[in-house]
Structure formats: structure tokens, C-alpha cells
Amino acid sequence: MRARVRPLNLVRVVSELAGRGVSEDVIRAALAAGGLSEAEIAAVMSLAGVERPGEGVEAVREGVERLRRSLERLAEAIQQGPEGQVK
């Protein structure tokens, strides 16, 4: 069985946190602590409707692509299990 990672869940969580008044800096720090790059963070924030002025479309596109690749690697790692064996 193939692991499935849903990036829109991350976007929904970010949107909900922002809607509850969590500061953008705190959300960004949490995403960075989770291993996302600045471009990935920009993409998630943009998709969630929480973005800093001046974050360009190209940065968001780059972030979306990096996020997609990161999620694919995560799905593969989950599928492999802790010892590199397919579950």
C-alpha cells in the first residue's frame, strides 16, 4: 500500500491557525522547524491566503514545486519504513 501525503491539509491548518489569530511569524517558524524551505513556506502561506506583500508569483511557484518534491520524498520514506524495507 502506498502512503499518501495530502499537502492541502497543511494549507488548511495554516489557514485555520491564521484565522484563529496565530501570528504569521509563529506559523512561519513552525513550518521552518518542520523542515520547509523559505520557498515552500511562501507557497503554503500563499495557498492558505496568508502571505507577505512582495512575495512574487515565481517564488510561490518554486515553493510549490519544492513542496511537491518534499512530499513525494516523505511518502517514499513512509512507504520504506524505518529500516528501508517496503511495508
PDB file of N, CA and C in Angstrom:
ATOM      1  N   MET A   1       0.850  -1.185   0.000  1.00  0.00           N
ATOM      2  CA  MET A   1       0.000   0.000   0.000  1.00  0.00           C
ATOM      3  C   MET A   1       0.886   1.235   0.000  1.00  0.00           C
ATOM      4  N   ARG A   2       0.561   2.154  -0.816  1.00  0.00           N
ATOM      5  CA  ARG A   2       1.359   3.375  -0.966  1.00  0.00           C
ATOM      6  C   ARG A   2       0.866   4.450   0.003  1.00  0.00           C
ATOM      7  N   ALA A   3       1.814   5.071   0.717  1.00  0.00           N
ATOM      8  CA  ALA A   3       1.462   6.158   1.643  1.00  0.00           C
ATOM      9  C   ALA A   3       1.004   7.362   0.832  1.00  0.00           C
ATOM     10  N   ARG A   4       0.060   8.081   1.352  1.00  0.00           N
ATOM     11  CA  ARG A   4      -0.450   9.251   0.642  1.00  0.00           C
ATOM     12  C   ARG A   4      -0.345  10.475   1.538  1.00  0.00           C
ATOM     13  N   VAL A   5       0.349  11.468   1.057  1.00  0.00           N
ATOM     14  CA  VAL A   5       0.513  12.718   1.799  1.00  0.00           C
ATOM     15  C   VAL A   5      -0.372  13.756   1.140  1.00  0.00           C
ATOM     16  N   ARG A   6      -1.121  14.470   1.925  1.00  0.00           N
ATOM     17  CA  ARG A   6      -2.052  15.456   1.388  1.00  0.00           C
ATOM     18  C   ARG A   6      -1.584  16.870   1.730  1.00  0.00           C
ATOM     19  N   PRO A   7      -0.962  17.543   0.766  1.00  0.00           N
ATOM     20  CA  PRO A   7      -0.447  18.881   1.044  1.00  0.00           C
ATOM     21  C   PRO A   7      -1.534  19.893   1.372  1.00  0.00           C
ATOM     22  N   LEU A   8      -2.744  19.668   0.890  1.00  0.00           N
ATOM     23  CA  LEU A   8      -3.810  20.625   1.190  1.00  0.00           C
ATOM     24  C   LEU A   8      -4.171  20.613   2.668  1.00  0.00           C
ATOM     25  N   ASN A   9      -3.897  19.510   3.363  1.00  0.00           N
ATOM     26  CA  ASN A   9      -4.125  19.501   4.809  1.00  0.00           C
ATOM     27  C   ASN A   9      -3.246  20.537   5.497  1.00  0.00           C
ATOM     28  N   LEU A  10      -2.005  20.642   5.052  1.00  0.00           N
ATOM     29  CA  LEU A  10      -1.086  21.638   5.611  1.00  0.00           C
ATOM     30  C   LEU A  10      -1.609  23.042   5.339  1.00  0.00           C
ATOM     31  N   VAL A  11      -2.100  23.267   4.143  1.00  0.00           N
ATOM     32  CA  VAL A  11      -2.650  24.575   3.780  1.00  0.00           C
ATOM     33  C   VAL A  11      -3.863  24.885   4.652  1.00  0.00           C
ATOM     34  N   ARG A  12      -4.712  23.905   4.872  1.00  0.00           N
ATOM     35  CA  ARG A  12      -5.901  24.115   5.716  1.00  0.00           C
ATOM     36  C   ARG A  12      -5.513  24.449   7.156  1.00  0.00           C
ATOM     37  N   VAL A  13      -4.514  23.744   7.672  1.00  0.00           N
ATOM     38  CA  VAL A  13      -4.064  24.006   9.045  1.00  0.00           C
ATOM     39  C   VAL A  13      -3.519  25.422   9.158  1.00  0.00           C
ATOM     40  N   VAL A  14      -2.700  25.828   8.196  1.00  0.00           N
ATOM     41  CA  VAL A  14      -2.133  27.186   8.216  1.00  0.00           C
ATOM     42  C   VAL A  14      -3.257  28.217   8.141  1.00  0.00           C
ATOM     43  N   SER A  15      -4.218  27.985   7.266  1.00  0.00           N
ATOM     44  CA  SER A  15      -5.346  28.902   7.127  1.00  0.00           C
ATOM     45  C   SER A  15      -6.137  29.007   8.429  1.00  0.00           C
ATOM     46  N   GLU A  16      -6.372  27.858   9.051  1.00  0.00           N
ATOM     47  CA  GLU A  16      -7.116  27.848  10.309  1.00  0.00           C
ATOM     48  C   GLU A  16      -6.344  28.565  11.420  1.00  0.00           C
ATOM     49  N   LEU A  17      -5.040  28.317  11.512  1.00  0.00           N
ATOM     50  CA  LEU A  17      -4.225  28.988  12.534  1.00  0.00           C
ATOM     51  C   LEU A  17      -4.258  30.498  12.343  1.00  0.00           C
ATOM     52  N   ALA A  18      -4.117  30.941  11.107  1.00  0.00           N
ATOM     53  CA  ALA A  18      -4.150  32.379  10.828  1.00  0.00           C
ATOM     54  C   ALA A  18      -5.522  32.950  11.182  1.00  0.00           C
ATOM     55  N   GLY A  19      -6.568  32.196  10.875  1.00  0.00           N
ATOM     56  CA  GLY A  19      -7.924  32.638  11.192  1.00  0.00           C
ATOM     57  C   GLY A  19      -8.180  32.732  12.685  1.00  0.00           C
ATOM     58  N   ARG A  20      -7.439  31.966  13.463  1.00  0.00           N
ATOM     59  CA  ARG A  20      -7.582  31.998  14.922  1.00  0.00           C
ATOM     60  C   ARG A  20      -6.671  33.017  15.580  1.00  0.00           C
ATOM     61  N   GLY A  21      -5.962  33.772  14.752  1.00  0.00           N
ATOM     62  CA  GLY A  21      -5.147  34.859  15.294  1.00  0.00           C
ATOM     63  C   GLY A  21      -3.705  34.510  15.586  1.00  0.00           C
ATOM     64  N   VAL A  22      -3.253  33.324  15.200  1.00  0.00           N
ATOM     65  CA  VAL A  22      -1.844  32.978  15.387  1.00  0.00           C
ATOM     66  C   VAL A  22      -1.035  33.853  14.430  1.00  0.00           C
ATOM     67  N   SER A  23       0.022  34.450  14.938  1.00  0.00           N
ATOM     68  CA  SER A  23       0.782  35.395  14.108  1.00  0.00           C
ATOM     69  C   SER A  23       1.465  34.677  12.950  1.00  0.00           C
ATOM     70  N   GLU A  24       1.620  35.421  11.884  1.00  0.00           N
ATOM     71  CA  GLU A  24       2.268  34.893  10.688  1.00  0.00           C
ATOM     72  C   GLU A  24       3.690  34.433  10.995  1.00  0.00           C
ATOM     73  N   ASP A  25       4.392  35.182  11.838  1.00  0.00           N
ATOM     74  CA  ASP A  25       5.764  34.807  12.183  1.00  0.00           C
ATOM     75  C   ASP A  25       5.817  33.475  12.925  1.00  0.00           C
ATOM     76  N   VAL A  26       4.853  33.227  13.785  1.00  0.00           N
ATOM     77  CA  VAL A  26       4.803  31.953  14.521  1.00  0.00           C
ATOM     78  C   VAL A  26       4.521  30.803  13.556  1.00  0.00           C
ATOM     79  N   ILE A  27       3.598  31.016  12.630  1.00  0.00           N
ATOM     80  CA  ILE A  27       3.281  29.980  11.647  1.00  0.00           C
ATOM     81  C   ILE A  27       4.507  29.691  10.790  1.00  0.00           C
ATOM     82  N   ARG A  28       5.170  30.751  10.325  1.00  0.00           N
ATOM     83  CA  ARG A  28       6.374  30.569   9.506  1.00  0.00           C
ATOM     84  C   ARG A  28       7.468  29.827  10.286  1.00  0.00           C
ATOM     85  N   ALA A  29       7.636  30.158  11.553  1.00  0.00           N
ATOM     86  CA  ALA A  29       8.651  29.497  12.376  1.00  0.00           C
ATOM     87  C   ALA A  29       8.330  28.008  12.531  1.00  0.00           C
ATOM     88  N   ALA A  30       7.065  27.688  12.705  1.00  0.00           N
ATOM     89  CA  ALA A  30       6.662  26.286  12.833  1.00  0.00           C
ATOM     90  C   ALA A  30       6.915  25.521  11.536  1.00  0.00           C
ATOM     91  N   LEU A  31       6.599  26.140  10.413  1.00  0.00           N
ATOM     92  CA  LEU A  31       6.836  25.490   9.118  1.00  0.00           C
ATOM     93  C   LEU A  31       8.332  25.292   8.887  1.00  0.00           C
ATOM     94  N   ALA A  32       9.127  26.288   9.251  1.00  0.00           N
ATOM     95  CA  ALA A  32      10.578  26.179   9.100  1.00  0.00           C
ATOM     96  C   ALA A  32      11.128  25.077  10.015  1.00  0.00           C
ATOM     97  N   ALA A  33      10.609  25.004  11.226  1.00  0.00           N
ATOM     98  CA  ALA A  33      11.041  23.955  12.153  1.00  0.00           C
ATOM     99  C   ALA A  33      10.682  22.570  11.620  1.00  0.00           C
ATOM    100  N   GLY A  34       9.620  22.511  10.822  1.00  0.00           N
ATOM    101  CA  GLY A  34       9.219  21.253  10.209  1.00  0.00           C
ATOM    102  C   GLY A  34      10.046  20.892   8.988  1.00  0.00           C
ATOM    103  N   GLY A  35      10.997  21.756   8.626  1.00  0.00           N
ATOM    104  CA  GLY A  35      11.913  21.447   7.538  1.00  0.00           C
ATOM    105  C   GLY A  35      11.578  22.065   6.196  1.00  0.00           C
ATOM    106  N   LEU A  36      10.571  22.924   6.142  1.00  0.00           N
ATOM    107  CA  LEU A  36      10.222  23.547   4.868  1.00  0.00           C
ATOM    108  C   LEU A  36      11.185  24.684   4.565  1.00  0.00           C
ATOM    109  N   SER A  37      11.508  24.838   3.289  1.00  0.00           N
ATOM    110  CA  SER A  37      12.379  25.928   2.852  1.00  0.00           C
ATOM    111  C   SER A  37      11.565  27.224   2.808  1.00  0.00           C
ATOM    112  N   GLU A  38      12.263  28.332   2.628  1.00  0.00           N
ATOM    113  CA  GLU A  38      11.572  29.626   2.527  1.00  0.00           C
ATOM    114  C   GLU A  38      10.598  29.630   1.350  1.00  0.00           C
ATOM    115  N   ALA A  39      11.012  29.038   0.230  1.00  0.00           N
ATOM    116  CA  ALA A  39      10.131  28.999  -0.940  1.00  0.00           C
ATOM    117  C   ALA A  39       8.895  28.134  -0.664  1.00  0.00           C
ATOM    118  N   GLU A  40       9.093  27.012   0.016  1.00  0.00           N
ATOM    119  CA  GLU A  40       7.953  26.152   0.359  1.00  0.00           C
ATOM    120  C   GLU A  40       7.012  26.864   1.319  1.00  0.00           C
ATOM    121  N   ILE A  41       7.587  27.570   2.280  1.00  0.00           N
ATOM    122  CA  ILE A  41       6.770  28.325   3.235  1.00  0.00           C
ATOM    123  C   ILE A  41       5.973  29.391   2.501  1.00  0.00           C
ATOM    124  N   ALA A  42       6.620  30.092   1.569  1.00  0.00           N
ATOM    125  CA  ALA A  42       5.915  31.119   0.789  1.00  0.00           C
ATOM    126  C   ALA A  42       4.750  30.506   0.029  1.00  0.00           C
ATOM    127  N   ALA A  43       4.969  29.314  -0.533  1.00  0.00           N
ATOM    128  CA  ALA A  43       3.906  28.651  -1.283  1.00  0.00           C
ATOM    129  C   ALA A  43       2.740  28.268  -0.380  1.00  0.00           C
ATOM    130  N   VAL A  44       3.034  27.669   0.754  1.00  0.00           N
ATOM    131  CA  VAL A  44       1.975  27.260   1.681  1.00  0.00           C
ATOM    132  C   VAL A  44       1.220  28.481   2.185  1.00  0.00           C
ATOM    133  N   MET A  45       1.938  29.516   2.550  1.00  0.00           N
ATOM    134  CA  MET A  45       1.292  30.722   3.058  1.00  0.00           C
ATOM    135  C   MET A  45       0.401  31.347   1.987  1.00  0.00           C
ATOM    136  N   SER A  46       0.886  31.368   0.756  1.00  0.00           N
ATOM    137  CA  SER A  46       0.103  31.933  -0.338  1.00  0.00           C
ATOM    138  C   SER A  46      -1.154  31.112  -0.594  1.00  0.00           C
ATOM    139  N   LEU A  47      -1.004  29.803  -0.653  1.00  0.00           N
ATOM    140  CA  LEU A  47      -2.158  28.932  -0.881  1.00  0.00           C
ATOM    141  C   LEU A  47      -3.177  29.039   0.250  1.00  0.00           C
ATOM    142  N   ALA A  48      -2.685  29.326   1.449  1.00  0.00           N
ATOM    143  CA  ALA A  48      -3.575  29.469   2.610  1.00  0.00           C
ATOM    144  C   ALA A  48      -4.171  30.873   2.682  1.00  0.00           C
ATOM    145  N   GLY A  49      -3.718  31.756   1.806  1.00  0.00           N
ATOM    146  CA  GLY A  49      -4.237  33.124   1.813  1.00  0.00           C
ATOM    147  C   GLY A  49      -3.582  34.016   2.839  1.00  0.00           C
ATOM    148  N   VAL A  50      -2.417  33.584   3.331  1.00  0.00           N
ATOM    149  CA  VAL A  50      -1.668  34.356   4.321  1.00  0.00           C
ATOM    150  C   VAL A  50      -0.287  34.581   3.742  1.00  0.00           C
ATOM    151  N   GLU A  51      -0.062  35.751   3.181  1.00  0.00           N
ATOM    152  CA  GLU A  51       1.234  35.986   2.561  1.00  0.00           C
ATOM    153  C   GLU A  51       1.720  37.402   2.816  1.00  0.00           C
ATOM    154  N   ARG A  52       3.004  37.541   2.784  1.00  0.00           N
ATOM    155  CA  ARG A  52       3.617  38.852   2.963  1.00  0.00           C
ATOM    156  C   ARG A  52       3.585  39.599   1.643  1.00  0.00           C
ATOM    157  N   PRO A  53       3.395  40.904   1.711  1.00  0.00           N
ATOM    158  CA  PRO A  53       3.462  41.695   0.482  1.00  0.00           C
ATOM    159  C   PRO A  53       4.836  41.533  -0.168  1.00  0.00           C
ATOM    160  N   GLY A  54       4.848  41.458  -1.474  1.00  0.00           N
ATOM    161  CA  GLY A  54       6.112  41.353  -2.185  1.00  0.00           C
ATOM    162  C   GLY A  54       6.546  39.942  -2.513  1.00  0.00           C
ATOM    163  N   GLU A  55       5.854  38.939  -1.986  1.00  0.00           N
ATOM    164  CA  GLU A  55       6.201  37.567  -2.348  1.00  0.00           C
ATOM    165  C   GLU A  55       5.659  37.329  -3.754  1.00  0.00           C
ATOM    166  N   GLY A  56       6.564  37.181  -4.678  1.00  0.00           N
ATOM    167  CA  GLY A  56       6.174  37.087  -6.077  1.00  0.00           C
ATOM    168  C   GLY A  56       5.628  35.733  -6.467  1.00  0.00           C
ATOM    169  N   VAL A  57       4.980  35.739  -7.607  1.00  0.00           N
ATOM    170  CA  VAL A  57       4.387  34.520  -8.152  1.00  0.00           C
ATOM    171  C   VAL A  57       5.462  33.471  -8.409  1.00  0.00           C
ATOM    172  N   GLU A  58       6.617  33.897  -8.895  1.00  0.00           N
ATOM    173  CA  GLU A  58       7.686  32.938  -9.188  1.00  0.00           C
ATOM    174  C   GLU A  58       8.170  32.246  -7.920  1.00  0.00           C
ATOM    175  N   ALA A  59       8.291  32.987  -6.829  1.00  0.00           N
ATOM    176  CA  ALA A  59       8.696  32.381  -5.557  1.00  0.00           C
ATOM    177  C   ALA A  59       7.665  31.360  -5.105  1.00  0.00           C
ATOM    178  N   VAL A  60       6.408  31.676  -5.310  1.00  0.00           N
ATOM    179  CA  VAL A  60       5.344  30.749  -4.926  1.00  0.00           C
ATOM    180  C   VAL A  60       5.404  29.498  -5.800  1.00  0.00           C
ATOM    181  N   ARG A  61       5.580  29.671  -7.099  1.00  0.00           N
ATOM    182  CA  ARG A  61       5.683  28.507  -7.998  1.00  0.00           C
ATOM    183  C   ARG A  61       6.849  27.619  -7.592  1.00  0.00           C
ATOM    184  N   GLU A  62       7.977  28.249  -7.327  1.00  0.00           N
ATOM    185  CA  GLU A  62       9.161  27.491  -6.917  1.00  0.00           C
ATOM    186  C   GLU A  62       8.881  26.744  -5.610  1.00  0.00           C
ATOM    187  N   GLY A  63       8.229  27.420  -4.695  1.00  0.00           N
ATOM    188  CA  GLY A  63       7.897  26.792  -3.418  1.00  0.00           C
ATOM    189  C   GLY A  63       6.942  25.628  -3.569  1.00  0.00           C
ATOM    190  N   VAL A  64       5.970  25.769  -4.445  1.00  0.00           N
ATOM    191  CA  VAL A  64       5.014  24.683  -4.691  1.00  0.00           C
ATOM    192  C   VAL A  64       5.747  23.468  -5.250  1.00  0.00           C
ATOM    193  N   GLU A  65       6.645  23.708  -6.178  1.00  0.00           N
ATOM    194  CA  GLU A  65       7.402  22.600  -6.774  1.00  0.00           C
ATOM    195  C   GLU A  65       8.287  21.921  -5.724  1.00  0.00           C
ATOM    196  N   ARG A  66       8.972  22.708  -4.915  1.00  0.00           N
ATOM    197  CA  ARG A  66       9.808  22.128  -3.855  1.00  0.00           C
ATOM    198  C   ARG A  66       8.967  21.371  -2.840  1.00  0.00           C
ATOM    199  N   LEU A  67       7.835  21.932  -2.495  1.00  0.00           N
ATOM    200  CA  LEU A  67       6.936  21.270  -1.554  1.00  0.00           C
ATOM    201  C   LEU A  67       6.463  19.940  -2.125  1.00  0.00           C
ATOM    202  N   ARG A  68       6.104  19.925  -3.397  1.00  0.00           N
ATOM    203  CA  ARG A  68       5.654  18.691  -4.042  1.00  0.00           C
ATOM    204  C   ARG A  68       6.751  17.626  -3.985  1.00  0.00           C
ATOM    205  N   ARG A  69       7.988  18.022  -4.312  1.00  0.00           N
ATOM    206  CA  ARG A  69       9.099  17.064  -4.267  1.00  0.00           C
ATOM    207  C   ARG A  69       9.354  16.580  -2.844  1.00  0.00           C
ATOM    208  N   SER A  70       9.271  17.493  -1.875  1.00  0.00           N
ATOM    209  CA  SER A  70       9.475  17.104  -0.473  1.00  0.00           C
ATOM    210  C   SER A  70       8.414  16.115  -0.021  1.00  0.00           C
ATOM    211  N   LEU A  71       7.186  16.355  -0.411  1.00  0.00           N
ATOM    212  CA  LEU A  71       6.098  15.457  -0.027  1.00  0.00           C
ATOM    213  C   LEU A  71       6.237  14.094  -0.700  1.00  0.00           C
ATOM    214  N   GLU A  72       6.720  14.079  -1.925  1.00  0.00           N
ATOM    215  CA  GLU A  72       6.974  12.802  -2.601  1.00  0.00           C
ATOM    216  C   GLU A  72       8.061  12.021  -1.862  1.00  0.00           C
ATOM    217  N   ARG A  73       9.140  12.723  -1.455  1.00  0.00           N
ATOM    218  CA  ARG A  73      10.205  12.051  -0.702  1.00  0.00           C
ATOM    219  C   ARG A  73       9.686  11.534   0.630  1.00  0.00           C
ATOM    220  N   LEU A  74       8.839  12.310   1.290  1.00  0.00           N
ATOM    221  CA  LEU A  74       8.256  11.890   2.557  1.00  0.00           C
ATOM    222  C   LEU A  74       7.393  10.653   2.369  1.00  0.00           C
ATOM    223  N   ALA A  75       6.574  10.648   1.322  1.00  0.00           N
ATOM    224  CA  ALA A  75       5.721   9.491   1.044  1.00  0.00           C
ATOM    225  C   ALA A  75       6.569   8.247   0.787  1.00  0.00           C
ATOM    226  N   GLU A  76       7.662   8.407   0.058  1.00  0.00           N
ATOM    227  CA  GLU A  76       8.557   7.278  -0.203  1.00  0.00           C
ATOM    228  C   GLU A  76       9.202   6.787   1.087  1.00  0.00           C
ATOM    229  N   ALA A  77       9.617   7.716   1.948  1.00  0.00           N
ATOM    230  CA  ALA A  77      10.240   7.331   3.216  1.00  0.00           C
ATOM    231  C   ALA A  77       9.244   6.603   4.115  1.00  0.00           C
ATOM    232  N   ILE A  78       8.023   7.063   4.132  1.00  0.00           N
ATOM    233  CA  ILE A  78       6.990   6.407   4.937  1.00  0.00           C
ATOM    234  C   ILE A  78       6.748   5.003   4.400  1.00  0.00           C
ATOM    235  N   GLN A  79       6.715   4.885   3.093  1.00  0.00           N
ATOM    236  CA  GLN A  79       6.488   3.587   2.474  1.00  0.00           C
ATOM    237  C   GLN A  79       7.636   2.635   2.777  1.00  0.00           C
ATOM    238  N   GLN A  80       8.866   3.140   2.827  1.00  0.00           N
ATOM    239  CA  GLN A  80      10.034   2.305   3.075  1.00  0.00           C
ATOM    240  C   GLN A  80      10.109   1.823   4.520  1.00  0.00           C
ATOM    241  N   GLY A  81       9.606   2.594   5.438  1.00  0.00           N
ATOM    242  CA  GLY A  81       9.672   2.212   6.846  1.00  0.00           C
ATOM    243  C   GLY A  81      11.004   2.598   7.464  1.00  0.00           C
ATOM    244  N   PRO A  82      11.157   2.321   8.753  1.00  0.00           N
ATOM    245  CA  PRO A  82      12.352   2.779   9.479  1.00  0.00           C
ATOM    246  C   PRO A  82      13.648   2.105   9.045  1.00  0.00           C
ATOM    247  N   GLU A  83      13.588   0.916   8.493  1.00  0.00           N
ATOM    248  CA  GLU A  83      14.812   0.214   8.116  1.00  0.00           C
ATOM    249  C   GLU A  83      14.983   0.124   6.609  1.00  0.00           C
ATOM    250  N   GLY A  84      14.247   0.937   5.871  1.00  0.00           N
ATOM    251  CA  GLY A  84      14.381   0.940   4.428  1.00  0.00           C
ATOM    252  C   GLY A  84      13.674  -0.215   3.738  1.00  0.00           C
ATOM    253  N   GLN A  85      12.829  -0.915   4.474  1.00  0.00           N
ATOM    254  CA  GLN A  85      12.107  -2.041   3.895  1.00  0.00           C
ATOM    255  C   GLN A  85      10.697  -1.610   3.533  1.00  0.00           C
ATOM    256  N   VAL A  86      10.235  -2.061   2.406  1.00  0.00           N
ATOM    257  CA  VAL A  86       8.880  -1.728   1.982  1.00  0.00           C
ATOM    258  C   VAL A  86       7.894  -2.382   2.928  1.00  0.00           C
ATOM    259  N   LYS A  87       6.929  -1.591   3.364  1.00  0.00           N
ATOM    260  CA  LYS A  87       5.920  -2.102   4.297  1.00  0.00           C
ATOM    261  C   LYS A  87       4.886  -2.909   3.560  1.00  0.00           C
TER     262      LYS A  87
END
